[in-house]
Amino acid sequence: MEVVTKQTCNESVEEIRGKDGDRPAWHIILVSYEKHVVFRQKKTESWIQVEDFGRNIEYRDKAGVIFQASGYGTGPPEQLRKWINENYGKIYLYFD
């Protein structure tokens, strides 16, 4: 996999877990440091607009297709989690 979304020096990796309707869903995003306080306060709300706090992480697979680091289920696959940790740093938080 190849990095598409470049991380800046003032961003950290965050994992959000929640539901999309009745389905469990997750997103791995980059959040700027100055927005962390408000981001953490929003964890108790039922809706978080990713664009208000950061950016979705995107990657390119071997076939050249671009994907977002998000999906359905209880969390990201271990292979993606390992790749994120190697390319962006350790995932900092997650919200249920």
PDB file of N, CA and C in Angstrom:
ATOM      1  N   MET A   1       0.841  -1.182   0.000  1.00  0.00           N
ATOM      2  CA  MET A   1       0.000   0.000   0.000  1.00  0.00           C
ATOM      3  C   MET A   1       0.884   1.243   0.000  1.00  0.00           C
ATOM      4  N   GLU A   2       0.383   2.279  -0.610  1.00  0.00           N
ATOM      5  CA  GLU A   2       1.128   3.530  -0.741  1.00  0.00           C
ATOM      6  C   GLU A   2       0.350   4.669  -0.074  1.00  0.00           C
ATOM      7  N   VAL A   3       1.066   5.532   0.623  1.00  0.00           N
ATOM      8  CA  VAL A   3       0.458   6.690   1.277  1.00  0.00           C
ATOM      9  C   VAL A   3      -0.057   7.661   0.230  1.00  0.00           C
ATOM     10  N   VAL A   4      -1.315   8.087   0.362  1.00  0.00           N
ATOM     11  CA  VAL A   4      -1.881   9.140  -0.475  1.00  0.00           C
ATOM     12  C   VAL A   4      -2.029  10.410   0.356  1.00  0.00           C
ATOM     13  N   THR A   5      -2.584  10.291   1.567  1.00  0.00           N
ATOM     14  CA  THR A   5      -2.768  11.431   2.455  1.00  0.00           C
ATOM     15  C   THR A   5      -1.502  11.642   3.265  1.00  0.00           C
ATOM     16  N   LYS A   6      -0.838  12.753   3.025  1.00  0.00           N
ATOM     17  CA  LYS A   6       0.404  13.072   3.740  1.00  0.00           C
ATOM     18  C   LYS A   6       0.065  13.712   5.082  1.00  0.00           C
ATOM     19  N   GLN A   7       0.715  13.245   6.123  1.00  0.00           N
ATOM     20  CA  GLN A   7       0.518  13.772   7.475  1.00  0.00           C
ATOM     21  C   GLN A   7       1.411  14.995   7.677  1.00  0.00           C
ATOM     22  N   THR A   8       0.855  16.047   8.291  1.00  0.00           N
ATOM     23  CA  THR A   8       1.657  17.208   8.622  1.00  0.00           C
ATOM     24  C   THR A   8       2.173  17.072  10.050  1.00  0.00           C
ATOM     25  N   CYS A   9       3.103  17.918  10.420  1.00  0.00           N
ATOM     26  CA  CYS A   9       3.711  17.819  11.750  1.00  0.00           C
ATOM     27  C   CYS A   9       2.752  18.204  12.874  1.00  0.00           C
ATOM     28  N   ASN A  10       1.624  18.821  12.559  1.00  0.00           N
ATOM     29  CA  ASN A  10       0.674  19.198  13.617  1.00  0.00           C
ATOM     30  C   ASN A  10      -0.581  18.332  13.606  1.00  0.00           C
ATOM     31  N   GLU A  11      -0.474  17.105  13.127  1.00  0.00           N
ATOM     32  CA  GLU A  11      -1.615  16.186  13.096  1.00  0.00           C
ATOM     33  C   GLU A  11      -1.255  14.879  13.792  1.00  0.00           C
ATOM     34  N   SER A  12      -2.251  14.292  14.422  1.00  0.00           N
ATOM     35  CA  SER A  12      -2.076  12.956  14.979  1.00  0.00           C
ATOM     36  C   SER A  12      -3.161  12.043  14.419  1.00  0.00           C
ATOM     37  N   VAL A  13      -2.914  10.762  14.523  1.00  0.00           N
ATOM     38  CA  VAL A  13      -3.832   9.754  14.010  1.00  0.00           C
ATOM     39  C   VAL A  13      -4.881   9.452  15.073  1.00  0.00           C
ATOM     40  N   GLU A  14      -6.129   9.418  14.667  1.00  0.00           N
ATOM     41  CA  GLU A  14      -7.238   9.117  15.569  1.00  0.00           C
ATOM     42  C   GLU A  14      -8.113   8.047  14.928  1.00  0.00           C
ATOM     43  N   GLU A  15      -8.656   7.189  15.745  1.00  0.00           N
ATOM     44  CA  GLU A  15      -9.597   6.173  15.276  1.00  0.00           C
ATOM     45  C   GLU A  15     -10.950   6.472  15.893  1.00  0.00           C
ATOM     46  N   ILE A  16     -11.957   6.531  15.054  1.00  0.00           N
ATOM     47  CA  ILE A  16     -13.329   6.759  15.517  1.00  0.00           C
ATOM     48  C   ILE A  16     -14.113   5.485  15.244  1.00  0.00           C
ATOM     49  N   ARG A  17     -14.828   5.035  16.247  1.00  0.00           N
ATOM     50  CA  ARG A  17     -15.728   3.889  16.069  1.00  0.00           C
ATOM     51  C   ARG A  17     -17.127   4.327  16.441  1.00  0.00           C
ATOM     52  N   GLY A  18     -18.068   3.854  15.687  1.00  0.00           N
ATOM     53  CA  GLY A  18     -19.457   4.197  15.952  1.00  0.00           C
ATOM     54  C   GLY A  18     -20.364   3.332  15.113  1.00  0.00           C
ATOM     55  N   LYS A  19     -21.482   3.892  14.732  1.00  0.00           N
ATOM     56  CA  LYS A  19     -22.442   3.156  13.907  1.00  0.00           C
ATOM     57  C   LYS A  19     -22.881   4.019  12.744  1.00  0.00           C
ATOM     58  N   ASP A  20     -23.111   3.358  11.639  1.00  0.00           N
ATOM     59  CA  ASP A  20     -23.711   3.960  10.456  1.00  0.00           C
ATOM     60  C   ASP A  20     -25.056   3.264  10.310  1.00  0.00           C
ATOM     61  N   GLY A  21     -26.097   3.908  10.825  1.00  0.00           N
ATOM     62  CA  GLY A  21     -27.379   3.225  10.944  1.00  0.00           C
ATOM     63  C   GLY A  21     -27.257   2.169  12.017  1.00  0.00           C
ATOM     64  N   ASP A  22     -27.514   0.932  11.663  1.00  0.00           N
ATOM     65  CA  ASP A  22     -27.387  -0.175  12.612  1.00  0.00           C
ATOM     66  C   ASP A  22     -26.052  -0.916  12.483  1.00  0.00           C
ATOM     67  N   ARG A  23     -25.232  -0.516  11.529  1.00  0.00           N
ATOM     68  CA  ARG A  23     -23.977  -1.225  11.268  1.00  0.00           C
ATOM     69  C   ARG A  23     -22.814  -0.558  12.000  1.00  0.00           C
ATOM     70  N   PRO A  24     -21.972  -1.342  12.686  1.00  0.00           N
ATOM     71  CA  PRO A  24     -20.774  -0.763  13.277  1.00  0.00           C
ATOM     72  C   PRO A  24     -19.845  -0.253  12.168  1.00  0.00           C
ATOM     73  N   ALA A  25     -19.215   0.881  12.415  1.00  0.00           N
ATOM     74  CA  ALA A  25     -18.320   1.482  11.421  1.00  0.00           C
ATOM     75  C   ALA A  25     -17.117   2.091  12.130  1.00  0.00           C
ATOM     76  N   TRP A  26     -16.042   2.311  11.374  1.00  0.00           N
ATOM     77  CA  TRP A  26     -14.828   2.917  11.911  1.00  0.00           C
ATOM     78  C   TRP A  26     -14.183   3.796  10.851  1.00  0.00           C
ATOM     79  N   HIS A  27     -13.429   4.783  11.315  1.00  0.00           N
ATOM     80  CA  HIS A  27     -12.671   5.683  10.448  1.00  0.00           C
ATOM     81  C   HIS A  27     -11.333   5.950  11.130  1.00  0.00           C
ATOM     82  N   ILE A  28     -10.275   6.012  10.347  1.00  0.00           N
ATOM     83  CA  ILE A  28      -8.982   6.436  10.860  1.00  0.00           C
ATOM     84  C   ILE A  28      -8.664   7.751  10.162  1.00  0.00           C
ATOM     85  N   ILE A  29      -8.491   8.804  10.963  1.00  0.00           N
ATOM     86  CA  ILE A  29      -8.353  10.150  10.426  1.00  0.00           C
ATOM     87  C   ILE A  29      -7.130  10.852  11.011  1.00  0.00           C
ATOM     88  N   LEU A  30      -6.774  11.955  10.414  1.00  0.00           N
ATOM     89  CA  LEU A  30      -5.742  12.843  10.944  1.00  0.00           C
ATOM     90  C   LEU A  30      -6.446  14.051  11.547  1.00  0.00           C
ATOM     91  N   VAL A  31      -6.137  14.353  12.801  1.00  0.00           N
ATOM     92  CA  VAL A  31      -6.754  15.486  13.500  1.00  0.00           C
ATOM     93  C   VAL A  31      -5.658  16.459  13.880  1.00  0.00           C
ATOM     94  N   SER A  32      -5.883  17.747  13.604  1.00  0.00           N
ATOM     95  CA  SER A  32      -4.889  18.754  13.971  1.00  0.00           C
ATOM     96  C   SER A  32      -4.891  18.939  15.483  1.00  0.00           C
ATOM     97  N   TYR A  33      -3.723  19.244  16.029  1.00  0.00           N
ATOM     98  CA  TYR A  33      -3.573  19.374  17.479  1.00  0.00           C
ATOM     99  C   TYR A  33      -4.489  20.441  18.064  1.00  0.00           C
ATOM    100  N   GLU A  34      -4.677  21.548  17.348  1.00  0.00           N
ATOM    101  CA  GLU A  34      -5.507  22.620  17.894  1.00  0.00           C
ATOM    102  C   GLU A  34      -6.989  22.252  17.971  1.00  0.00           C
ATOM    103  N   LYS A  35      -7.398  21.201  17.311  1.00  0.00           N
ATOM    104  CA  LYS A  35      -8.806  20.780  17.345  1.00  0.00           C
ATOM    105  C   LYS A  35      -9.053  19.599  18.280  1.00  0.00           C
ATOM    106  N   HIS A  36      -8.018  19.100  18.961  1.00  0.00           N
ATOM    107  CA  HIS A  36      -8.164  17.930  19.831  1.00  0.00           C
ATOM    108  C   HIS A  36      -9.154  18.135  20.968  1.00  0.00           C
ATOM    109  N   VAL A  37      -9.118  19.271  21.604  1.00  0.00           N
ATOM    110  CA  VAL A  37      -9.998  19.505  22.757  1.00  0.00           C
ATOM    111  C   VAL A  37     -11.458  19.388  22.338  1.00  0.00           C
ATOM    112  N   VAL A  38     -11.821  20.062  21.270  1.00  0.00           N
ATOM    113  CA  VAL A  38     -13.209  20.006  20.795  1.00  0.00           C
ATOM    114  C   VAL A  38     -13.532  18.608  20.284  1.00  0.00           C
ATOM    115  N   PHE A  39     -12.578  17.977  19.622  1.00  0.00           N
ATOM    116  CA  PHE A  39     -12.777  16.619  19.104  1.00  0.00           C
ATOM    117  C   PHE A  39     -13.104  15.654  20.240  1.00  0.00           C
ATOM    118  N   ARG A  40     -12.379  15.740  21.327  1.00  0.00           N
ATOM    119  CA  ARG A  40     -12.629  14.855  22.472  1.00  0.00           C
ATOM    120  C   ARG A  40     -13.983  15.127  23.101  1.00  0.00           C
ATOM    121  N   GLN A  41     -14.425  16.369  23.123  1.00  0.00           N
ATOM    122  CA  GLN A  41     -15.731  16.708  23.673  1.00  0.00           C
ATOM    123  C   GLN A  41     -16.849  16.108  22.831  1.00  0.00           C
ATOM    124  N   LYS A  42     -16.627  16.004  21.542  1.00  0.00           N
ATOM    125  CA  LYS A  42     -17.644  15.488  20.624  1.00  0.00           C
ATOM    126  C   LYS A  42     -17.839  13.976  20.743  1.00  0.00           C
ATOM    127  N   LYS A  43     -16.927  13.283  21.440  1.00  0.00           N
ATOM    128  CA  LYS A  43     -17.016  11.825  21.488  1.00  0.00           C
ATOM    129  C   LYS A  43     -18.305  11.336  22.129  1.00  0.00           C
ATOM    130  N   THR A  44     -18.950  12.159  22.921  1.00  0.00           N
ATOM    131  CA  THR A  44     -20.203  11.744  23.563  1.00  0.00           C
ATOM    132  C   THR A  44     -21.420  11.998  22.683  1.00  0.00           C
ATOM    133  N   GLU A  45     -21.230  12.704  21.587  1.00  0.00           N
ATOM    134  CA  GLU A  45     -22.349  12.979  20.686  1.00  0.00           C
ATOM    135  C   GLU A  45     -22.528  11.830  19.706  1.00  0.00           C
ATOM    136  N   SER A  46     -23.697  11.753  19.131  1.00  0.00           N
ATOM    137  CA  SER A  46     -23.996  10.637  18.237  1.00  0.00           C
ATOM    138  C   SER A  46     -23.482  10.864  16.813  1.00  0.00           C
ATOM    139  N   TRP A  47     -23.059  12.074  16.490  1.00  0.00           N
ATOM    140  CA  TRP A  47     -22.634  12.370  15.128  1.00  0.00           C
ATOM    141  C   TRP A  47     -21.362  13.197  15.150  1.00  0.00           C
ATOM    142  N   ILE A  48     -20.359  12.783  14.398  1.00  0.00           N
ATOM    143  CA  ILE A  48     -19.131  13.550  14.247  1.00  0.00           C
ATOM    144  C   ILE A  48     -18.898  13.762  12.762  1.00  0.00           C
ATOM    145  N   GLN A  49     -18.736  15.013  12.376  1.00  0.00           N
ATOM    146  CA  GLN A  49     -18.412  15.353  10.988  1.00  0.00           C
ATOM    147  C   GLN A  49     -16.887  15.408  10.882  1.00  0.00           C
ATOM    148  N   VAL A  50     -16.290  14.424  10.237  1.00  0.00           N
ATOM    149  CA  VAL A  50     -14.835  14.292  10.163  1.00  0.00           C
ATOM    150  C   VAL A  50     -14.194  15.577   9.653  1.00  0.00           C
ATOM    151  N   GLU A  51     -14.763  16.191   8.642  1.00  0.00           N
ATOM    152  CA  GLU A  51     -14.177  17.378   8.027  1.00  0.00           C
ATOM    153  C   GLU A  51     -14.071  18.554   8.994  1.00  0.00           C
ATOM    154  N   ASP A  52     -14.853  18.550  10.080  1.00  0.00           N
ATOM    155  CA  ASP A  52     -14.771  19.618  11.074  1.00  0.00           C
ATOM    156  C   ASP A  52     -13.508  19.504  11.926  1.00  0.00           C
ATOM    157  N   PHE A  53     -12.892  18.342  11.951  1.00  0.00           N
ATOM    158  CA  PHE A  53     -11.766  18.103  12.854  1.00  0.00           C
ATOM    159  C   PHE A  53     -10.488  17.672  12.164  1.00  0.00           C
ATOM    160  N   GLY A  54     -10.603  17.095  10.992  1.00  0.00           N
ATOM    161  CA  GLY A  54      -9.400  16.594  10.348  1.00  0.00           C
ATOM    162  C   GLY A  54      -9.677  16.073   8.955  1.00  0.00           C
ATOM    163  N   ARG A  55      -8.861  15.098   8.572  1.00  0.00           N
ATOM    164  CA  ARG A  55      -8.941  14.554   7.216  1.00  0.00           C
ATOM    165  C   ARG A  55      -8.942  13.030   7.249  1.00  0.00           C
ATOM    166  N   ASN A  56      -9.666  12.439   6.322  1.00  0.00           N
ATOM    167  CA  ASN A  56      -9.637  10.991   6.161  1.00  0.00           C
ATOM    168  C   ASN A  56      -8.274  10.580   5.606  1.00  0.00           C
ATOM    169  N   ILE A  57      -7.757   9.478   6.096  1.00  0.00           N
ATOM    170  CA  ILE A  57      -6.522   8.923   5.545  1.00  0.00           C
ATOM    171  C   ILE A  57      -6.882   8.095   4.315  1.00  0.00           C
ATOM    172  N   GLU A  58      -6.161   8.354   3.232  1.00  0.00           N
ATOM    173  CA  GLU A  58      -6.355   7.592   2.001  1.00  0.00           C
ATOM    174  C   GLU A  58      -5.054   6.879   1.638  1.00  0.00           C
ATOM    175  N   TYR A  59      -5.209   5.719   1.003  1.00  0.00           N
ATOM    176  CA  TYR A  59      -4.048   4.943   0.566  1.00  0.00           C
ATOM    177  C   TYR A  59      -4.353   4.330  -0.792  1.00  0.00           C
ATOM    178  N   ARG A  60      -3.285   3.976  -1.512  1.00  0.00           N
ATOM    179  CA  ARG A  60      -3.407   3.367  -2.838  1.00  0.00           C
ATOM    180  C   ARG A  60      -2.960   1.917  -2.732  1.00  0.00           C
ATOM    181  N   ASP A  61      -3.781   0.996  -3.275  1.00  0.00           N
ATOM    182  CA  ASP A  61      -3.392  -0.416  -3.242  1.00  0.00           C
ATOM    183  C   ASP A  61      -2.462  -0.738  -4.412  1.00  0.00           C
ATOM    184  N   LYS A  62      -2.051  -1.988  -4.518  1.00  0.00           N
ATOM    185  CA  LYS A  62      -1.108  -2.396  -5.560  1.00  0.00           C
ATOM    186  C   LYS A  62      -1.659  -2.216  -6.966  1.00  0.00           C
ATOM    187  N   ALA A  63      -2.986  -2.233  -7.104  1.00  0.00           N
ATOM    188  CA  ALA A  63      -3.610  -2.044  -8.416  1.00  0.00           C
ATOM    189  C   ALA A  63      -3.793  -0.564  -8.753  1.00  0.00           C
ATOM    190  N   GLY A  64      -3.412   0.336  -7.827  1.00  0.00           N
ATOM    191  CA  GLY A  64      -3.532   1.768  -8.078  1.00  0.00           C
ATOM    192  C   GLY A  64      -4.856   2.374  -7.655  1.00  0.00           C
ATOM    193  N   VAL A  65      -5.697   1.582  -6.994  1.00  0.00           N
ATOM    194  CA  VAL A  65      -7.005   2.062  -6.545  1.00  0.00           C
ATOM    195  C   VAL A  65      -6.848   2.761  -5.197  1.00  0.00           C
ATOM    196  N   ILE A  66      -7.471   3.940  -5.056  1.00  0.00           N
ATOM    197  CA  ILE A  66      -7.389   4.705  -3.815  1.00  0.00           C
ATOM    198  C   ILE A  66      -8.568   4.344  -2.909  1.00  0.00           C
ATOM    199  N   PHE A  67      -8.258   4.090  -1.646  1.00  0.00           N
ATOM    200  CA  PHE A  67      -9.255   3.753  -0.633  1.00  0.00           C
ATOM    201  C   PHE A  67      -9.116   4.690   0.555  1.00  0.00           C
ATOM    202  N   GLN A  68     -10.209   4.890   1.286  1.00  0.00           N
ATOM    203  CA  GLN A  68     -10.150   5.598   2.558  1.00  0.00           C
ATOM    204  C   GLN A  68      -9.952   4.574   3.664  1.00  0.00           C
ATOM    205  N   ALA A  69      -9.283   4.988   4.717  1.00  0.00           N
ATOM    206  CA  ALA A  69      -9.066   4.111   5.872  1.00  0.00           C
ATOM    207  C   ALA A  69     -10.323   4.156   6.729  1.00  0.00           C
ATOM    208  N   SER A  70     -11.358   3.519   6.237  1.00  0.00           N
ATOM    209  CA  SER A  70     -12.635   3.437   6.941  1.00  0.00           C
ATOM    210  C   SER A  70     -13.365   2.208   6.438  1.00  0.00           C
ATOM    211  N   GLY A  71     -14.332   1.780   7.217  1.00  0.00           N
ATOM    212  CA  GLY A  71     -15.088   0.616   6.795  1.00  0.00           C
ATOM    213  C   GLY A  71     -16.120   0.202   7.820  1.00  0.00           C
ATOM    214  N   TYR A  72     -16.751  -0.891   7.541  1.00  0.00           N
ATOM    215  CA  TYR A  72     -17.772  -1.435   8.427  1.00  0.00           C
ATOM    216  C   TYR A  72     -17.188  -2.575   9.240  1.00  0.00           C
ATOM    217  N   GLY A  73     -17.676  -2.711  10.449  1.00  0.00           N
ATOM    218  CA  GLY A  73     -17.205  -3.748  11.355  1.00  0.00           C
ATOM    219  C   GLY A  73     -16.760  -3.110  12.659  1.00  0.00           C
ATOM    220  N   THR A  74     -16.186  -3.918  13.521  1.00  0.00           N
ATOM    221  CA  THR A  74     -15.810  -3.423  14.848  1.00  0.00           C
ATOM    222  C   THR A  74     -14.487  -2.670  14.847  1.00  0.00           C
ATOM    223  N   GLY A  75     -13.718  -2.753  13.793  1.00  0.00           N
ATOM    224  CA  GLY A  75     -12.457  -2.033  13.713  1.00  0.00           C
ATOM    225  C   GLY A  75     -11.710  -2.401  12.455  1.00  0.00           C
ATOM    226  N   PRO A  76     -10.615  -1.690  12.186  1.00  0.00           N
ATOM    227  CA  PRO A  76      -9.853  -1.956  10.962  1.00  0.00           C
ATOM    228  C   PRO A  76      -9.170  -3.322  11.010  1.00  0.00           C
ATOM    229  N   PRO A  77      -8.951  -3.907   9.840  1.00  0.00           N
ATOM    230  CA  PRO A  77      -8.204  -5.164   9.792  1.00  0.00           C
ATOM    231  C   PRO A  77      -6.786  -4.951  10.345  1.00  0.00           C
ATOM    232  N   GLU A  78      -6.220  -5.977  10.904  1.00  0.00           N
ATOM    233  CA  GLU A  78      -4.894  -5.887  11.525  1.00  0.00           C
ATOM    234  C   GLU A  78      -3.838  -5.407  10.530  1.00  0.00           C
ATOM    235  N   GLN A  79      -3.920  -5.843   9.285  1.00  0.00           N
ATOM    236  CA  GLN A  79      -2.948  -5.428   8.268  1.00  0.00           C
ATOM    237  C   GLN A  79      -3.005  -3.916   8.054  1.00  0.00           C
ATOM    238  N   LEU A  80      -4.194  -3.332   8.011  1.00  0.00           N
ATOM    239  CA  LEU A  80      -4.332  -1.883   7.840  1.00  0.00           C
ATOM    240  C   LEU A  80      -3.845  -1.153   9.086  1.00  0.00           C
ATOM    241  N   ARG A  81      -4.205  -1.649  10.244  1.00  0.00           N
ATOM    242  CA  ARG A  81      -3.765  -1.025  11.502  1.00  0.00           C
ATOM    243  C   ARG A  81      -2.228  -1.001  11.561  1.00  0.00           C
ATOM    244  N   LYS A  82      -1.584  -2.089  11.195  1.00  0.00           N
ATOM    245  CA  LYS A  82      -0.126  -2.159  11.198  1.00  0.00           C
ATOM    246  C   LYS A  82       0.459  -1.156  10.204  1.00  0.00           C
ATOM    247  N   TRP A  83      -0.124  -1.068   9.008  1.00  0.00           N
ATOM    248  CA  TRP A  83       0.347  -0.138   7.990  1.00  0.00           C
ATOM    249  C   TRP A  83       0.198   1.315   8.469  1.00  0.00           C
ATOM    250  N   ILE A  84      -0.937   1.638   9.089  1.00  0.00           N
ATOM    251  CA  ILE A  84      -1.157   2.988   9.634  1.00  0.00           C
ATOM    252  C   ILE A  84      -0.087   3.298  10.675  1.00  0.00           C
ATOM    253  N   ASN A  85       0.143   2.382  11.601  1.00  0.00           N
ATOM    254  CA  ASN A  85       1.143   2.604  12.651  1.00  0.00           C
ATOM    255  C   ASN A  85       2.550   2.789  12.077  1.00  0.00           C
ATOM    256  N   GLU A  86       2.874   2.079  11.006  1.00  0.00           N
ATOM    257  CA  GLU A  86       4.193   2.207  10.380  1.00  0.00           C
ATOM    258  C   GLU A  86       4.347   3.504   9.600  1.00  0.00           C
ATOM    259  N   ASN A  87       3.265   3.994   8.993  1.00  0.00           N
ATOM    260  CA  ASN A  87       3.353   5.152   8.114  1.00  0.00           C
ATOM    261  C   ASN A  87       2.906   6.472   8.741  1.00  0.00           C
ATOM    262  N   TYR A  88       2.140   6.411   9.805  1.00  0.00           N
ATOM    263  CA  TYR A  88       1.608   7.632  10.410  1.00  0.00           C
ATOM    264  C   TYR A  88       1.912   7.750  11.903  1.00  0.00           C
ATOM    265  N   GLY A  89       2.307   6.707  12.534  1.00  0.00           N
ATOM    266  CA  GLY A  89       2.486   6.709  13.981  1.00  0.00           C
ATOM    267  C   GLY A  89       1.341   5.980  14.635  1.00  0.00           C
ATOM    268  N   LYS A  90       1.499   5.688  15.890  1.00  0.00           N
ATOM    269  CA  LYS A  90       0.512   4.894  16.618  1.00  0.00           C
ATOM    270  C   LYS A  90      -0.837   5.600  16.686  1.00  0.00           C
ATOM    271  N   ILE A  91      -1.897   4.829  16.504  1.00  0.00           N
ATOM    272  CA  ILE A  91      -3.249   5.359  16.628  1.00  0.00           C
ATOM    273  C   ILE A  91      -3.454   5.777  18.074  1.00  0.00           C
ATOM    274  N   TYR A  92      -3.938   6.986  18.261  1.00  0.00           N
ATOM    275  CA  TYR A  92      -3.999   7.601  19.581  1.00  0.00           C
ATOM    276  C   TYR A  92      -5.261   7.254  20.363  1.00  0.00           C
ATOM    277  N   LEU A  93      -6.412   7.418  19.783  1.00  0.00           N
ATOM    278  CA  LEU A  93      -7.686   7.243  20.488  1.00  0.00           C
ATOM    279  C   LEU A  93      -8.663   6.447  19.622  1.00  0.00           C
ATOM    280  N   TYR A  94      -9.680   5.936  20.251  1.00  0.00           N
ATOM    281  CA  TYR A  94     -10.854   5.496  19.515  1.00  0.00           C
ATOM    282  C   TYR A  94     -12.069   5.723  20.383  1.00  0.00           C
ATOM    283  N   PHE A  95     -13.186   5.961  19.740  1.00  0.00           N
ATOM    284  CA  PHE A  95     -14.429   6.237  20.436  1.00  0.00           C
ATOM    285  C   PHE A  95     -15.457   5.184  20.064  1.00  0.00           C
ATOM    286  N   ASP A  96     -16.178   4.682  21.073  1.00  0.00           N
ATOM    287  CA  ASP A  96     -17.267   3.735  20.801  1.00  0.00           C
ATOM    288  C   ASP A  96     -18.581   4.476  20.758  1.00  0.00           C
TER     289      ASP A  96
END
